[in-house]
Amino acid sequence: MAHELLKSEIQKKGLKYKYIAEILGITGVALNKKMNGVSRFYVSEAITICNLLGLPVEDISKFFTQKVE
């Protein structure tokens, strides 16, 4: 799942969810919901997270899409 890959990248970089939530201007609860697939990321949030993690924006779909079954 894309969110698991995203969580792994965040952990590799040593970033805390609280810090990411502050950068995004959302609460920790809101970020947690997004990270667990309960709610969706806005494109601007996804781009910001890619930039924080040093990931190419071209790879955004690897980290922010969910498979529909």
C-alpha atoms as a PDB file:
ATOM      1  CA  MET A   1       0.000   0.000   0.000  1.00  0.00           C
ATOM      2  CA  ALA A   2       1.234   3.469  -0.846  1.00  0.00           C
ATOM      3  CA  HIS A   3       0.743   4.758   2.684  1.00  0.00           C
ATOM      4  CA  GLU A   4       3.026   2.048   4.085  1.00  0.00           C
ATOM      5  CA  LEU A   5       5.753   3.115   1.675  1.00  0.00           C
ATOM      6  CA  LEU A   6       5.235   6.724   2.734  1.00  0.00           C
ATOM      7  CA  LYS A   7       5.451   5.790   6.414  1.00  0.00           C
ATOM      8  CA  SER A   8       8.682   3.949   5.709  1.00  0.00           C
ATOM      9  CA  GLU A   9      10.207   6.975   3.961  1.00  0.00           C
ATOM     10  CA  ILE A  10       9.208   9.264   6.836  1.00  0.00           C
ATOM     11  CA  GLN A  11      10.818   6.876   9.299  1.00  0.00           C
ATOM     12  CA  LYS A  12      14.012   6.649   7.188  1.00  0.00           C
ATOM     13  CA  LYS A  13      14.320  10.439   7.232  1.00  0.00           C
ATOM     14  CA  GLY A  14      13.667  10.562  10.981  1.00  0.00           C
ATOM     15  CA  LEU A  15      10.802  13.017  10.667  1.00  0.00           C
ATOM     16  CA  LYS A  16       8.029  13.150  13.237  1.00  0.00           C
ATOM     17  CA  TYR A  17       4.361  13.307  12.301  1.00  0.00           C
ATOM     18  CA  LYS A  18       3.933  16.339  14.557  1.00  0.00           C
ATOM     19  CA  TYR A  19       6.541  18.247  12.531  1.00  0.00           C
ATOM     20  CA  ILE A  20       4.961  17.249   9.223  1.00  0.00           C
ATOM     21  CA  ALA A  21       1.509  18.239  10.481  1.00  0.00           C
ATOM     22  CA  GLU A  22       2.848  21.657  11.508  1.00  0.00           C
ATOM     23  CA  ILE A  23       4.415  22.187   8.077  1.00  0.00           C
ATOM     24  CA  LEU A  24       1.139  21.195   6.410  1.00  0.00           C
ATOM     25  CA  GLY A  25      -0.893  23.415   8.737  1.00  0.00           C
ATOM     26  CA  ILE A  26      -3.073  20.550   9.952  1.00  0.00           C
ATOM     27  CA  THR A  27      -3.512  18.796  13.276  1.00  0.00           C
ATOM     28  CA  GLY A  28      -1.710  15.622  14.218  1.00  0.00           C
ATOM     29  CA  VAL A  29      -5.070  13.848  14.247  1.00  0.00           C
ATOM     30  CA  ALA A  30      -5.775  14.967  10.671  1.00  0.00           C
ATOM     31  CA  LEU A  31      -2.357  13.771   9.515  1.00  0.00           C
ATOM     32  CA  ASN A  32      -2.854  10.451  11.275  1.00  0.00           C
ATOM     33  CA  LYS A  33      -6.151   9.971   9.426  1.00  0.00           C
ATOM     34  CA  LYS A  34      -4.465  10.738   6.125  1.00  0.00           C
ATOM     35  CA  MET A  35      -1.547   8.412   6.876  1.00  0.00           C
ATOM     36  CA  ASN A  36      -3.960   5.589   7.704  1.00  0.00           C
ATOM     37  CA  GLY A  37      -6.075   6.093   4.592  1.00  0.00           C
ATOM     38  CA  VAL A  38      -9.126   7.386   6.457  1.00  0.00           C
ATOM     39  CA  SER A  39      -8.981  10.716   4.635  1.00  0.00           C
ATOM     40  CA  ARG A  40      -7.138  11.845   1.529  1.00  0.00           C
ATOM     41  CA  PHE A  41      -4.147  14.082   1.031  1.00  0.00           C
ATOM     42  CA  TYR A  42      -4.565  17.228  -1.033  1.00  0.00           C
ATOM     43  CA  VAL A  43      -2.142  17.454  -3.947  1.00  0.00           C
ATOM     44  CA  SER A  44      -0.422  20.419  -2.297  1.00  0.00           C
ATOM     45  CA  GLU A  45       0.112  18.356   0.873  1.00  0.00           C
ATOM     46  CA  ALA A  46       1.541  15.460  -1.112  1.00  0.00           C
ATOM     47  CA  ILE A  47       3.958  17.775  -2.926  1.00  0.00           C
ATOM     48  CA  THR A  48       5.044  19.361   0.359  1.00  0.00           C
ATOM     49  CA  ILE A  49       5.707  15.945   1.897  1.00  0.00           C
ATOM     50  CA  CYS A  50       7.687  14.839  -1.165  1.00  0.00           C
ATOM     51  CA  ASN A  51       9.802  17.972  -0.857  1.00  0.00           C
ATOM     52  CA  LEU A  52      10.360  17.385   2.873  1.00  0.00           C
ATOM     53  CA  LEU A  53      11.462  13.824   2.190  1.00  0.00           C
ATOM     54  CA  GLY A  54      13.609  14.754  -0.786  1.00  0.00           C
ATOM     55  CA  LEU A  55      11.512  12.583  -3.082  1.00  0.00           C
ATOM     56  CA  PRO A  56      10.969  13.446  -6.730  1.00  0.00           C
ATOM     57  CA  VAL A  57       7.507  14.873  -7.263  1.00  0.00           C
ATOM     58  CA  GLU A  58       7.345  12.698 -10.388  1.00  0.00           C
ATOM     59  CA  ASP A  59       7.128   9.677  -8.054  1.00  0.00           C
ATOM     60  CA  ILE A  60       4.164  11.091  -6.146  1.00  0.00           C
ATOM     61  CA  SER A  61       1.836   8.299  -7.248  1.00  0.00           C
ATOM     62  CA  LYS A  62       4.042   5.704  -5.523  1.00  0.00           C
ATOM     63  CA  PHE A  63       3.358   7.311  -2.160  1.00  0.00           C
ATOM     64  CA  PHE A  64      -0.095   8.864  -2.388  1.00  0.00           C
ATOM     65  CA  THR A  65      -2.369   6.528  -4.289  1.00  0.00           C
ATOM     66  CA  GLN A  66      -4.449   3.657  -3.052  1.00  0.00           C
ATOM     67  CA  LYS A  67      -5.423   0.606  -5.020  1.00  0.00           C
ATOM     68  CA  VAL A  68      -9.110   0.257  -5.646  1.00  0.00           C
ATOM     69  CA  GLU A  69     -10.294  -3.322  -5.465  1.00  0.00           C
END
